[in-house]
């Protein structure tokens, strides 16, 4: 079931930045392929995904889309694509749909989801 706020934010993004809208949709589809029953809601101006706990967020900016991992410091980074140096958070910056594959996004989303399920 899609939250009405998710639909509104998608509509707004489609109007204001169609290119980022397409990339956000591709990222959302990748997340739902991995976690079909993920809950999605709008928070902090983006799309937050959770199972037992939040595992990632998708944020559209003018020039890119960022997939944020609140506990990204816990993720292995075998491909060296995680950015950020804060205490907890890491992100993957995407500028095209090809980045979803080239930056191994699904591997990181899957790891973040699995970590979020741990007690």
PDB file of N, CA and C in Angstrom:
ATOM      1  N   UNK A   1       0.848  -1.181   0.000  1.00  0.00           N
ATOM      2  CA  UNK A   1       0.000   0.000   0.000  1.00  0.00           C
ATOM      3  C   UNK A   1       0.895   1.245   0.000  1.00  0.00           C
ATOM      4  N   UNK A   2       0.633   2.153  -0.886  1.00  0.00           N
ATOM      5  CA  UNK A   2       1.437   3.359  -1.003  1.00  0.00           C
ATOM      6  C   UNK A   2       0.845   4.473  -0.145  1.00  0.00           C
ATOM      7  N   UNK A   3       1.682   5.062   0.651  1.00  0.00           N
ATOM      8  CA  UNK A   3       1.316   6.204   1.496  1.00  0.00           C
ATOM      9  C   UNK A   3       0.978   7.386   0.587  1.00  0.00           C
ATOM     10  N   UNK A   4      -0.058   8.146   0.923  1.00  0.00           N
ATOM     11  CA  UNK A   4      -0.471   9.292   0.110  1.00  0.00           C
ATOM     12  C   UNK A   4       0.660  10.313  -0.005  1.00  0.00           C
ATOM     13  N   UNK A   5       1.473  10.454   1.040  1.00  0.00           N
ATOM     14  CA  UNK A   5       2.590  11.389   0.991  1.00  0.00           C
ATOM     15  C   UNK A   5       3.666  10.944   0.005  1.00  0.00           C
ATOM     16  N   UNK A   6       3.836   9.632  -0.137  1.00  0.00           N
ATOM     17  CA  UNK A   6       4.776   9.102  -1.130  1.00  0.00           C
ATOM     18  C   UNK A   6       4.291   9.486  -2.520  1.00  0.00           C
ATOM     19  N   UNK A   7       3.016   9.279  -2.775  1.00  0.00           N
ATOM     20  CA  UNK A   7       2.450   9.636  -4.081  1.00  0.00           C
ATOM     21  C   UNK A   7       2.603  11.122  -4.371  1.00  0.00           C
ATOM     22  N   UNK A   8       2.349  11.947  -3.374  1.00  0.00           N
ATOM     23  CA  UNK A   8       2.473  13.404  -3.563  1.00  0.00           C
ATOM     24  C   UNK A   8       3.904  13.811  -3.882  1.00  0.00           C
ATOM     25  N   UNK A   9       4.857  13.258  -3.138  1.00  0.00           N
ATOM     26  CA  UNK A   9       6.254  13.617  -3.373  1.00  0.00           C
ATOM     27  C   UNK A   9       6.702  13.141  -4.759  1.00  0.00           C
ATOM     28  N   UNK A  10       6.250  11.966  -5.165  1.00  0.00           N
ATOM     29  CA  UNK A  10       6.586  11.477  -6.509  1.00  0.00           C
ATOM     30  C   UNK A  10       6.003  12.392  -7.584  1.00  0.00           C
ATOM     31  N   UNK A  11       4.763  12.819  -7.409  1.00  0.00           N
ATOM     32  CA  UNK A  11       4.143  13.729  -8.380  1.00  0.00           C
ATOM     33  C   UNK A  11       4.900  15.044  -8.455  1.00  0.00           C
ATOM     34  N   UNK A  12       5.271  15.573  -7.315  1.00  0.00           N
ATOM     35  CA  UNK A  12       6.015  16.830  -7.271  1.00  0.00           C
ATOM     36  C   UNK A  12       7.364  16.684  -7.982  1.00  0.00           C
ATOM     37  N   UNK A  13       8.044  15.588  -7.705  1.00  0.00           N
ATOM     38  CA  UNK A  13       9.342  15.334  -8.326  1.00  0.00           C
ATOM     39  C   UNK A  13       9.209  15.157  -9.836  1.00  0.00           C
ATOM     40  N   UNK A  14       8.161  14.485 -10.269  1.00  0.00           N
ATOM     41  CA  UNK A  14       7.936  14.276 -11.699  1.00  0.00           C
ATOM     42  C   UNK A  14       7.770  15.611 -12.426  1.00  0.00           C
ATOM     43  N   UNK A  15       7.129  16.551 -11.780  1.00  0.00           N
ATOM     44  CA  UNK A  15       6.901  17.870 -12.378  1.00  0.00           C
ATOM     45  C   UNK A  15       8.169  18.728 -12.330  1.00  0.00           C
ATOM     46  N   UNK A  16       8.847  18.736 -11.183  1.00  0.00           N
ATOM     47  CA  UNK A  16       9.969  19.656 -11.001  1.00  0.00           C
ATOM     48  C   UNK A  16      11.293  19.141 -11.538  1.00  0.00           C
ATOM     49  N   UNK A  17      11.473  17.825 -11.589  1.00  0.00           N
ATOM     50  CA  UNK A  17      12.747  17.266 -12.045  1.00  0.00           C
ATOM     51  C   UNK A  17      12.522  15.874 -12.642  1.00  0.00           C
ATOM     52  N   UNK A  18      11.986  15.811 -13.867  1.00  0.00           N
ATOM     53  CA  UNK A  18      11.642  14.523 -14.470  1.00  0.00           C
ATOM     54  C   UNK A  18      12.811  13.536 -14.549  1.00  0.00           C
ATOM     55  N   UNK A  19      14.011  14.040 -14.758  1.00  0.00           N
ATOM     56  CA  UNK A  19      15.171  13.145 -14.847  1.00  0.00           C
ATOM     57  C   UNK A  19      15.442  12.465 -13.510  1.00  0.00           C
ATOM     58  N   UNK A  20      15.396  13.240 -12.421  1.00  0.00           N
ATOM     59  CA  UNK A  20      15.598  12.646 -11.090  1.00  0.00           C
ATOM     60  C   UNK A  20      14.427  11.741 -10.726  1.00  0.00           C
ATOM     61  N   UNK A  21      13.220  12.092 -11.172  1.00  0.00           N
ATOM     62  CA  UNK A  21      12.052  11.251 -10.930  1.00  0.00           C
ATOM     63  C   UNK A  21      12.283   9.850 -11.486  1.00  0.00           C
ATOM     64  N   UNK A  22      12.773   9.771 -12.714  1.00  0.00           N
ATOM     65  CA  UNK A  22      13.019   8.464 -13.342  1.00  0.00           C
ATOM     66  C   UNK A  22      14.047   7.662 -12.552  1.00  0.00           C
ATOM     67  N   UNK A  23      15.086   8.328 -12.088  1.00  0.00           N
ATOM     68  CA  UNK A  23      16.114   7.633 -11.309  1.00  0.00           C
ATOM     69  C   UNK A  23      15.573   7.188  -9.955  1.00  0.00           C
ATOM     70  N   UNK A  24      14.814   8.037  -9.293  1.00  0.00           N
ATOM     71  CA  UNK A  24      14.195   7.654  -8.014  1.00  0.00           C
ATOM     72  C   UNK A  24      13.303   6.433  -8.219  1.00  0.00           C
ATOM     73  N   UNK A  25      12.525   6.427  -9.280  1.00  0.00           N
ATOM     74  CA  UNK A  25      11.647   5.280  -9.542  1.00  0.00           C
ATOM     75  C   UNK A  25      12.464   4.007  -9.765  1.00  0.00           C
ATOM     76  N   UNK A  26      13.565   4.110 -10.481  1.00  0.00           N
ATOM     77  CA  UNK A  26      14.422   2.934 -10.710  1.00  0.00           C
ATOM     78  C   UNK A  26      15.018   2.430  -9.398  1.00  0.00           C
ATOM     79  N   UNK A  27      15.410   3.342  -8.532  1.00  0.00           N
ATOM     80  CA  UNK A  27      15.955   2.961  -7.228  1.00  0.00           C
ATOM     81  C   UNK A  27      14.871   2.312  -6.376  1.00  0.00           C
ATOM     82  N   UNK A  28      13.695   2.900  -6.350  1.00  0.00           N
ATOM     83  CA  UNK A  28      12.583   2.328  -5.584  1.00  0.00           C
ATOM     84  C   UNK A  28      12.273   0.914  -6.065  1.00  0.00           C
ATOM     85  N   UNK A  29      12.262   0.704  -7.380  1.00  0.00           N
ATOM     86  CA  UNK A  29      12.003  -0.634  -7.927  1.00  0.00           C
ATOM     87  C   UNK A  29      13.073  -1.625  -7.477  1.00  0.00           C
ATOM     88  N   UNK A  30      14.325  -1.193  -7.467  1.00  0.00           N
ATOM     89  CA  UNK A  30      15.412  -2.068  -7.013  1.00  0.00           C
ATOM     90  C   UNK A  30      15.216  -2.448  -5.548  1.00  0.00           C
ATOM     91  N   UNK A  31      14.834  -1.482  -4.728  1.00  0.00           N
ATOM     92  CA  UNK A  31      14.606  -1.760  -3.304  1.00  0.00           C
ATOM     93  C   UNK A  31      13.464  -2.754  -3.139  1.00  0.00           C
ATOM     94  N   UNK A  32      12.362  -2.540  -3.860  1.00  0.00           N
ATOM     95  CA  UNK A  32      11.217  -3.446  -3.735  1.00  0.00           C
ATOM     96  C   UNK A  32      11.493  -4.831  -4.303  1.00  0.00           C
ATOM     97  N   UNK A  33      12.412  -4.949  -5.253  1.00  0.00           N
ATOM     98  CA  UNK A  33      12.806  -6.289  -5.724  1.00  0.00           C
ATOM     99  C   UNK A  33      13.473  -7.070  -4.590  1.00  0.00           C
ATOM    100  N   UNK A  34      14.254  -6.370  -3.795  1.00  0.00           N
ATOM    101  CA  UNK A  34      14.967  -7.017  -2.692  1.00  0.00           C
ATOM    102  C   UNK A  34      14.092  -7.212  -1.463  1.00  0.00           C
ATOM    103  N   UNK A  35      13.252  -6.240  -1.179  1.00  0.00           N
ATOM    104  CA  UNK A  35      12.418  -6.264   0.028  1.00  0.00           C
ATOM    105  C   UNK A  35      10.990  -5.923  -0.397  1.00  0.00           C
ATOM    106  N   UNK A  36      10.282  -6.916  -0.964  1.00  0.00           N
ATOM    107  CA  UNK A  36       8.947  -6.638  -1.503  1.00  0.00           C
ATOM    108  C   UNK A  36       7.957  -6.079  -0.490  1.00  0.00           C
ATOM    109  N   UNK A  37       8.135  -6.405   0.780  1.00  0.00           N
ATOM    110  CA  UNK A  37       7.186  -5.951   1.797  1.00  0.00           C
ATOM    111  C   UNK A  37       7.714  -4.749   2.589  1.00  0.00           C
ATOM    112  N   UNK A  38       8.710  -4.053   2.043  1.00  0.00           N
ATOM    113  CA  UNK A  38       9.245  -2.868   2.724  1.00  0.00           C
ATOM    114  C   UNK A  38       8.140  -1.832   2.900  1.00  0.00           C
ATOM    115  N   UNK A  39       8.212  -1.128   4.004  1.00  0.00           N
ATOM    116  CA  UNK A  39       7.309  -0.009   4.247  1.00  0.00           C
ATOM    117  C   UNK A  39       8.023   1.256   3.786  1.00  0.00           C
ATOM    118  N   UNK A  40       7.297   2.118   3.106  1.00  0.00           N
ATOM    119  CA  UNK A  40       7.873   3.346   2.572  1.00  0.00           C
ATOM    120  C   UNK A  40       7.078   4.532   3.088  1.00  0.00           C
ATOM    121  N   UNK A  41       7.787   5.552   3.524  1.00  0.00           N
ATOM    122  CA  UNK A  41       7.118   6.778   3.960  1.00  0.00           C
ATOM    123  C   UNK A  41       8.019   7.967   3.653  1.00  0.00           C
ATOM    124  N   UNK A  42       7.420   9.138   3.656  1.00  0.00           N
ATOM    125  CA  UNK A  42       8.159  10.362   3.399  1.00  0.00           C
ATOM    126  C   UNK A  42       8.667  10.908   4.727  1.00  0.00           C
ATOM    127  N   UNK A  43       9.973  11.150   4.765  1.00  0.00           N
ATOM    128  CA  UNK A  43      10.614  11.773   5.930  1.00  0.00           C
ATOM    129  C   UNK A  43      11.806  12.569   5.433  1.00  0.00           C
ATOM    130  N   UNK A  44      12.059  13.694   6.059  1.00  0.00           N
ATOM    131  CA  UNK A  44      13.246  14.505   5.741  1.00  0.00           C
ATOM    132  C   UNK A  44      13.302  14.898   4.263  1.00  0.00           C
ATOM    133  N   UNK A  45      12.154  14.968   3.600  1.00  0.00           N
ATOM    134  CA  UNK A  45      12.116  15.343   2.199  1.00  0.00           C
ATOM    135  C   UNK A  45      12.458  14.236   1.230  1.00  0.00           C
ATOM    136  N   UNK A  46      12.490  13.018   1.720  1.00  0.00           N
ATOM    137  CA  UNK A  46      12.817  11.876   0.864  1.00  0.00           C
ATOM    138  C   UNK A  46      11.971  10.673   1.211  1.00  0.00           C
ATOM    139  N   UNK A  47      12.343   9.545   0.665  1.00  0.00           N
ATOM    140  CA  UNK A  47      11.605   8.298   0.827  1.00  0.00           C
ATOM    141  C   UNK A  47      12.387   7.390   1.772  1.00  0.00           C
ATOM    142  N   UNK A  48      11.797   7.050   2.913  1.00  0.00           N
ATOM    143  CA  UNK A  48      12.451   6.185   3.893  1.00  0.00           C
ATOM    144  C   UNK A  48      11.843   4.796   3.815  1.00  0.00           C
ATOM    145  N   UNK A  49      12.711   3.798   3.828  1.00  0.00           N
ATOM    146  CA  UNK A  49      12.287   2.406   3.734  1.00  0.00           C
ATOM    147  C   UNK A  49      12.617   1.682   5.025  1.00  0.00           C
ATOM    148  N   UNK A  50      11.671   0.842   5.462  1.00  0.00           N
ATOM    149  CA  UNK A  50      11.896   0.085   6.686  1.00  0.00           C
ATOM    150  C   UNK A  50      11.286  -1.298   6.591  1.00  0.00           C
ATOM    151  N   UNK A  51      11.837  -2.171   7.405  1.00  0.00           N
ATOM    152  CA  UNK A  51      11.284  -3.493   7.674  1.00  0.00           C
ATOM    153  C   UNK A  51      10.963  -3.442   9.153  1.00  0.00           C
ATOM    154  N   UNK A  52      11.710  -4.204   9.941  1.00  0.00           N
ATOM    155  CA  UNK A  52      11.611  -4.102  11.400  1.00  0.00           C
ATOM    156  C   UNK A  52      12.090  -2.716  11.829  1.00  0.00           C
ATOM    157  N   UNK A  53      13.116  -2.219  11.149  1.00  0.00           N
ATOM    158  CA  UNK A  53      13.668  -0.881  11.406  1.00  0.00           C
ATOM    159  C   UNK A  53      14.006  -0.245  10.065  1.00  0.00           C
ATOM    160  N   UNK A  54      14.254   1.051  10.068  1.00  0.00           N
ATOM    161  CA  UNK A  54      14.650   1.739   8.835  1.00  0.00           C
ATOM    162  C   UNK A  54      15.963   1.157   8.331  1.00  0.00           C
ATOM    163  N   UNK A  55      16.049   1.005   6.995  1.00  0.00           N
ATOM    164  CA  UNK A  55      17.306   0.497   6.452  1.00  0.00           C
ATOM    165  C   UNK A  55      17.899   1.395   5.380  1.00  0.00           C
ATOM    166  N   UNK A  56      17.105   2.262   4.752  1.00  0.00           N
ATOM    167  CA  UNK A  56      17.690   3.218   3.813  1.00  0.00           C
ATOM    168  C   UNK A  56      16.697   4.314   3.476  1.00  0.00           C
ATOM    169  N   UNK A  57      17.236   5.377   2.896  1.00  0.00           N
ATOM    170  CA  UNK A  57      16.425   6.488   2.429  1.00  0.00           C
ATOM    171  C   UNK A  57      16.888   6.898   1.047  1.00  0.00           C
ATOM    172  N   UNK A  58      15.959   7.407   0.253  1.00  0.00           N
ATOM    173  CA  UNK A  58      16.254   7.834  -1.112  1.00  0.00           C
ATOM    174  C   UNK A  58      15.894   9.315  -1.211  1.00  0.00           C
ATOM    175  N   UNK A  59      16.878  10.119  -1.608  1.00  0.00           N
ATOM    176  CA  UNK A  59      16.706  11.569  -1.650  1.00  0.00           C
ATOM    177  C   UNK A  59      17.109  12.094  -3.017  1.00  0.00           C
ATOM    178  N   UNK A  60      16.234  12.872  -3.616  1.00  0.00           N
ATOM    179  CA  UNK A  60      16.500  13.464  -4.931  1.00  0.00           C
ATOM    180  C   UNK A  60      17.009  14.883  -4.752  1.00  0.00           C
ATOM    181  N   UNK A  61      18.122  15.149  -5.385  1.00  0.00           N
ATOM    182  CA  UNK A  61      18.698  16.488  -5.424  1.00  0.00           C
ATOM    183  C   UNK A  61      18.688  16.952  -6.877  1.00  0.00           C
ATOM    184  N   UNK A  62      19.042  18.174  -7.103  1.00  0.00           N
ATOM    185  CA  UNK A  62      18.964  18.724  -8.456  1.00  0.00           C
ATOM    186  C   UNK A  62      19.820  17.934  -9.443  1.00  0.00           C
ATOM    187  N   UNK A  63      21.012  17.526  -9.042  1.00  0.00           N
ATOM    188  CA  UNK A  63      21.949  16.881  -9.962  1.00  0.00           C
ATOM    189  C   UNK A  63      22.159  15.389  -9.712  1.00  0.00           C
ATOM    190  N   UNK A  64      21.602  14.847  -8.633  1.00  0.00           N
ATOM    191  CA  UNK A  64      21.829  13.433  -8.328  1.00  0.00           C
ATOM    192  C   UNK A  64      20.752  12.902  -7.378  1.00  0.00           C
ATOM    193  N   UNK A  65      20.798  11.602  -7.165  1.00  0.00           N
ATOM    194  CA  UNK A  65      19.964  10.936  -6.166  1.00  0.00           C
ATOM    195  C   UNK A  65      20.916  10.284  -5.176  1.00  0.00           C
ATOM    196  N   UNK A  66      20.607  10.404  -3.914  1.00  0.00           N
ATOM    197  CA  UNK A  66      21.435   9.824  -2.872  1.00  0.00           C
ATOM    198  C   UNK A  66      20.645   8.733  -2.152  1.00  0.00           C
ATOM    199  N   UNK A  67      21.270   7.567  -2.011  1.00  0.00           N
ATOM    200  CA  UNK A  67      20.685   6.494  -1.216  1.00  0.00           C
ATOM    201  C   UNK A  67      21.466   6.488   0.091  1.00  0.00           C
ATOM    202  N   UNK A  68      20.760   6.800   1.165  1.00  0.00           N
ATOM    203  CA  UNK A  68      21.378   7.002   2.471  1.00  0.00           C
ATOM    204  C   UNK A  68      21.172   5.778   3.360  1.00  0.00           C
ATOM    205  N   UNK A  69      22.221   5.455   4.094  1.00  0.00           N
ATOM    206  CA  UNK A  69      22.169   4.352   5.048  1.00  0.00           C
ATOM    207  C   UNK A  69      22.485   4.922   6.423  1.00  0.00           C
ATOM    208  N   UNK A  70      21.474   4.946   7.291  1.00  0.00           N
ATOM    209  CA  UNK A  70      21.617   5.543   8.615  1.00  0.00           C
ATOM    210  C   UNK A  70      22.700   4.888   9.451  1.00  0.00           C
ATOM    211  N   UNK A  71      22.930   3.601   9.240  1.00  0.00           N
ATOM    212  CA  UNK A  71      24.002   2.896   9.934  1.00  0.00           C
ATOM    213  C   UNK A  71      25.010   2.378   8.900  1.00  0.00           C
ATOM    214  N   UNK A  72      25.314   3.235   7.966  1.00  0.00           N
ATOM    215  CA  UNK A  72      26.215   2.865   6.881  1.00  0.00           C
ATOM    216  C   UNK A  72      27.610   2.493   7.323  1.00  0.00           C
ATOM    217  N   UNK A  73      28.031   2.978   8.483  1.00  0.00           N
ATOM    218  CA  UNK A  73      29.361   2.623   8.981  1.00  0.00           C
ATOM    219  C   UNK A  73      29.451   1.127   9.269  1.00  0.00           C
ATOM    220  N   UNK A  74      28.301   0.471   9.457  1.00  0.00           N
ATOM    221  CA  UNK A  74      28.253  -0.973   9.710  1.00  0.00           C
ATOM    222  C   UNK A  74      28.383  -1.804   8.437  1.00  0.00           C
ATOM    223  N   UNK A  75      28.253  -1.171   7.285  1.00  0.00           N
ATOM    224  CA  UNK A  75      28.254  -1.912   6.026  1.00  0.00           C
ATOM    225  C   UNK A  75      29.673  -2.149   5.520  1.00  0.00           C
ATOM    226  N   UNK A  76      29.917  -3.378   5.060  1.00  0.00           N
ATOM    227  CA  UNK A  76      31.165  -3.640   4.346  1.00  0.00           C
ATOM    228  C   UNK A  76      31.087  -2.862   3.041  1.00  0.00           C
ATOM    229  N   UNK A  77      32.209  -2.395   2.562  1.00  0.00           N
ATOM    230  CA  UNK A  77      32.240  -1.613   1.324  1.00  0.00           C
ATOM    231  C   UNK A  77      33.263  -2.214   0.354  1.00  0.00           C
ATOM    232  N   UNK A  78      33.000  -3.442  -0.130  1.00  0.00           N
ATOM    233  CA  UNK A  78      33.982  -4.113  -0.987  1.00  0.00           C
ATOM    234  C   UNK A  78      34.229  -3.401  -2.319  1.00  0.00           C
ATOM    235  N   UNK A  79      33.301  -2.556  -2.748  1.00  0.00           N
ATOM    236  CA  UNK A  79      33.429  -1.875  -4.039  1.00  0.00           C
ATOM    237  C   UNK A  79      33.821  -0.409  -3.893  1.00  0.00           C
ATOM    238  N   UNK A  80      33.998   0.050  -2.657  1.00  0.00           N
ATOM    239  CA  UNK A  80      34.457   1.411  -2.414  1.00  0.00           C
ATOM    240  C   UNK A  80      33.512   2.495  -2.911  1.00  0.00           C
ATOM    241  N   UNK A  81      32.197   2.248  -2.817  1.00  0.00           N
ATOM    242  CA  UNK A  81      31.232   3.222  -3.329  1.00  0.00           C
ATOM    243  C   UNK A  81      30.530   4.032  -2.237  1.00  0.00           C
ATOM    244  N   UNK A  82      30.676   3.624  -0.995  1.00  0.00           N
ATOM    245  CA  UNK A  82      30.035   4.371   0.082  1.00  0.00           C
ATOM    246  C   UNK A  82      30.773   5.681   0.308  1.00  0.00           C
ATOM    247  N   UNK A  83      30.010   6.757   0.413  1.00  0.00           N
ATOM    248  CA  UNK A  83      30.580   8.074   0.671  1.00  0.00           C
ATOM    249  C   UNK A  83      30.120   8.542   2.039  1.00  0.00           C
ATOM    250  N   UNK A  84      30.875   9.474   2.599  1.00  0.00           N
ATOM    251  CA  UNK A  84      30.529  10.045   3.890  1.00  0.00           C
ATOM    252  C   UNK A  84      31.540   9.631   4.936  1.00  0.00           C
ATOM    253  N   UNK A  85      31.753  10.524   5.888  1.00  0.00           N
ATOM    254  CA  UNK A  85      32.738  10.247   6.924  1.00  0.00           C
ATOM    255  C   UNK A  85      32.192  10.545   8.313  1.00  0.00           C
ATOM    256  N   UNK A  86      30.875  10.688   8.389  1.00  0.00           N
ATOM    257  CA  UNK A  86      30.251  10.953   9.678  1.00  0.00           C
ATOM    258  C   UNK A  86      30.339   9.742  10.594  1.00  0.00           C
ATOM    259  N   UNK A  87      29.855   9.917  11.786  1.00  0.00           N
ATOM    260  CA  UNK A  87      29.932   8.863  12.796  1.00  0.00           C
ATOM    261  C   UNK A  87      29.156   7.605  12.383  1.00  0.00           C
ATOM    262  N   UNK A  88      27.981   7.777  11.764  1.00  0.00           N
ATOM    263  CA  UNK A  88      27.126   6.632  11.448  1.00  0.00           C
ATOM    264  C   UNK A  88      26.754   6.514   9.971  1.00  0.00           C
ATOM    265  N   UNK A  89      26.330   7.602   9.390  1.00  0.00           N
ATOM    266  CA  UNK A  89      25.686   7.615   8.075  1.00  0.00           C
ATOM    267  C   UNK A  89      26.694   7.477   6.934  1.00  0.00           C
ATOM    268  N   UNK A  90      26.271   6.731   5.885  1.00  0.00           N
ATOM    269  CA  UNK A  90      27.002   6.654   4.627  1.00  0.00           C
ATOM    270  C   UNK A  90      25.969   6.722   3.505  1.00  0.00           C
ATOM    271  N   UNK A  91      26.408   7.065   2.301  1.00  0.00           N
ATOM    272  CA  UNK A  91      25.474   7.154   1.186  1.00  0.00           C
ATOM    273  C   UNK A  91      26.154   6.749  -0.118  1.00  0.00           C
ATOM    274  N   UNK A  92      25.317   6.442  -1.093  1.00  0.00           N
ATOM    275  CA  UNK A  92      25.768   6.179  -2.451  1.00  0.00           C
ATOM    276  C   UNK A  92      25.130   7.232  -3.335  1.00  0.00           C
ATOM    277  N   UNK A  93      25.955   7.927  -4.088  1.00  0.00           N
ATOM    278  CA  UNK A  93      25.503   8.997  -4.977  1.00  0.00           C
ATOM    279  C   UNK A  93      25.287   8.414  -6.366  1.00  0.00           C
ATOM    280  N   UNK A  94      24.085   8.643  -6.921  1.00  0.00           N
ATOM    281  CA  UNK A  94      23.722   8.129  -8.240  1.00  0.00           C
ATOM    282  C   UNK A  94      23.381   9.288  -9.170  1.00  0.00           C
ATOM    283  N   UNK A  95      23.912   9.261 -10.379  1.00  0.00           N
ATOM    284  CA  UNK A  95      23.563  10.304 -11.350  1.00  0.00           C
ATOM    285  C   UNK A  95      22.814   9.735 -12.553  1.00  0.00           C
ATOM    286  N   UNK A  96      22.816   8.413 -12.689  1.00  0.00           N
ATOM    287  CA  UNK A  96      22.088   7.774 -13.788  1.00  0.00           C
ATOM    288  C   UNK A  96      21.638   6.390 -13.356  1.00  0.00           C
ATOM    289  N   UNK A  97      20.700   5.833 -14.103  1.00  0.00           N
ATOM    290  CA  UNK A  97      20.214   4.482 -13.795  1.00  0.00           C
ATOM    291  C   UNK A  97      21.344   3.460 -13.903  1.00  0.00           C
ATOM    292  N   UNK A  98      22.327   3.712 -14.759  1.00  0.00           N
ATOM    293  CA  UNK A  98      23.460   2.792 -14.894  1.00  0.00           C
ATOM    294  C   UNK A  98      24.243   2.678 -13.582  1.00  0.00           C
ATOM    295  N   UNK A  99      24.219   3.738 -12.763  1.00  0.00           N
ATOM    296  CA  UNK A  99      24.920   3.704 -11.477  1.00  0.00           C
ATOM    297  C   UNK A  99      24.325   2.674 -10.525  1.00  0.00           C
ATOM    298  N   UNK A 100      23.073   2.335 -10.695  1.00  0.00           N
ATOM    299  CA  UNK A 100      22.442   1.335  -9.829  1.00  0.00           C
ATOM    300  C   UNK A 100      23.215   0.030  -9.933  1.00  0.00           C
ATOM    301  N   UNK A 101      23.599  -0.327 -11.148  1.00  0.00           N
ATOM    302  CA  UNK A 101      24.371  -1.547 -11.374  1.00  0.00           C
ATOM    303  C   UNK A 101      25.855  -1.325 -11.110  1.00  0.00           C
ATOM    304  N   UNK A 102      26.415  -0.261 -11.669  1.00  0.00           N
ATOM    305  CA  UNK A 102      27.866  -0.061 -11.574  1.00  0.00           C
ATOM    306  C   UNK A 102      28.331   0.202 -10.147  1.00  0.00           C
ATOM    307  N   UNK A 103      27.442   0.704  -9.305  1.00  0.00           N
ATOM    308  CA  UNK A 103      27.793   0.944  -7.902  1.00  0.00           C
ATOM    309  C   UNK A 103      27.220  -0.124  -6.971  1.00  0.00           C
ATOM    310  N   UNK A 104      26.729  -1.215  -7.552  1.00  0.00           N
ATOM    311  CA  UNK A 104      26.281  -2.383  -6.786  1.00  0.00           C
ATOM    312  C   UNK A 104      25.256  -2.018  -5.716  1.00  0.00           C
ATOM    313  N   UNK A 105      24.336  -1.119  -6.065  1.00  0.00           N
ATOM    314  CA  UNK A 105      23.375  -0.620  -5.092  1.00  0.00           C
ATOM    315  C   UNK A 105      22.621  -1.741  -4.386  1.00  0.00           C
ATOM    316  N   UNK A 106      22.181  -2.746  -5.138  1.00  0.00           N
ATOM    317  CA  UNK A 106      21.365  -3.798  -4.526  1.00  0.00           C
ATOM    318  C   UNK A 106      22.141  -4.568  -3.457  1.00  0.00           C
ATOM    319  N   UNK A 107      23.434  -4.744  -3.638  1.00  0.00           N
ATOM    320  CA  UNK A 107      24.256  -5.419  -2.638  1.00  0.00           C
ATOM    321  C   UNK A 107      24.223  -4.645  -1.319  1.00  0.00           C
ATOM    322  N   UNK A 108      24.340  -3.319  -1.405  1.00  0.00           N
ATOM    323  CA  UNK A 108      24.369  -2.484  -0.202  1.00  0.00           C
ATOM    324  C   UNK A 108      22.989  -2.374   0.437  1.00  0.00           C
ATOM    325  N   UNK A 109      21.949  -2.265  -0.376  1.00  0.00           N
ATOM    326  CA  UNK A 109      20.585  -2.213   0.174  1.00  0.00           C
ATOM    327  C   UNK A 109      20.275  -3.518   0.893  1.00  0.00           C
ATOM    328  N   UNK A 110      20.649  -4.640   0.277  1.00  0.00           N
ATOM    329  CA  UNK A 110      20.400  -5.942   0.890  1.00  0.00           C
ATOM    330  C   UNK A 110      21.145  -6.055   2.230  1.00  0.00           C
ATOM    331  N   UNK A 111      22.394  -5.637   2.264  1.00  0.00           N
ATOM    332  CA  UNK A 111      23.174  -5.694   3.509  1.00  0.00           C
ATOM    333  C   UNK A 111      22.560  -4.784   4.574  1.00  0.00           C
ATOM    334  N   UNK A 112      22.146  -3.586   4.179  1.00  0.00           N
ATOM    335  CA  UNK A 112      21.533  -2.660   5.140  1.00  0.00           C
ATOM    336  C   UNK A 112      20.228  -3.235   5.674  1.00  0.00           C
ATOM    337  N   UNK A 113      19.443  -3.846   4.780  1.00  0.00           N
ATOM    338  CA  UNK A 113      18.183  -4.459   5.228  1.00  0.00           C
ATOM    339  C   UNK A 113      18.465  -5.589   6.221  1.00  0.00           C
ATOM    340  N   UNK A 114      19.393  -6.478   5.875  1.00  0.00           N
ATOM    341  CA  UNK A 114      19.726  -7.585   6.773  1.00  0.00           C
ATOM    342  C   UNK A 114      20.208  -7.075   8.133  1.00  0.00           C
ATOM    343  N   UNK A 115      21.061  -6.053   8.118  1.00  0.00           N
ATOM    344  CA  UNK A 115      21.537  -5.478   9.384  1.00  0.00           C
ATOM    345  C   UNK A 115      20.391  -4.890  10.206  1.00  0.00           C
ATOM    346  N   UNK A 116      19.411  -4.316   9.532  1.00  0.00           N
ATOM    347  CA  UNK A 116      18.296  -3.678  10.256  1.00  0.00           C
ATOM    348  C   UNK A 116      17.379  -4.700  10.914  1.00  0.00           C
ATOM    349  N   UNK A 117      17.471  -5.936  10.494  1.00  0.00           N
ATOM    350  CA  UNK A 117      16.628  -6.989  11.070  1.00  0.00           C
ATOM    351  C   UNK A 117      17.211  -7.603  12.325  1.00  0.00           C
ATOM    352  N   UNK A 118      18.479  -7.304  12.595  1.00  0.00           N
ATOM    353  CA  UNK A 118      19.141  -7.862  13.775  1.00  0.00           C
ATOM    354  C   UNK A 118      18.669  -7.143  15.030  1.00  0.00           C
ATOM    355  N   UNK A 119      18.593  -7.891  16.132  1.00  0.00           N
ATOM    356  CA  UNK A 119      18.159  -7.249  17.396  1.00  0.00           C
ATOM    357  C   UNK A 119      19.167  -6.236  17.901  1.00  0.00           C
TER     358      UNK A 119
END
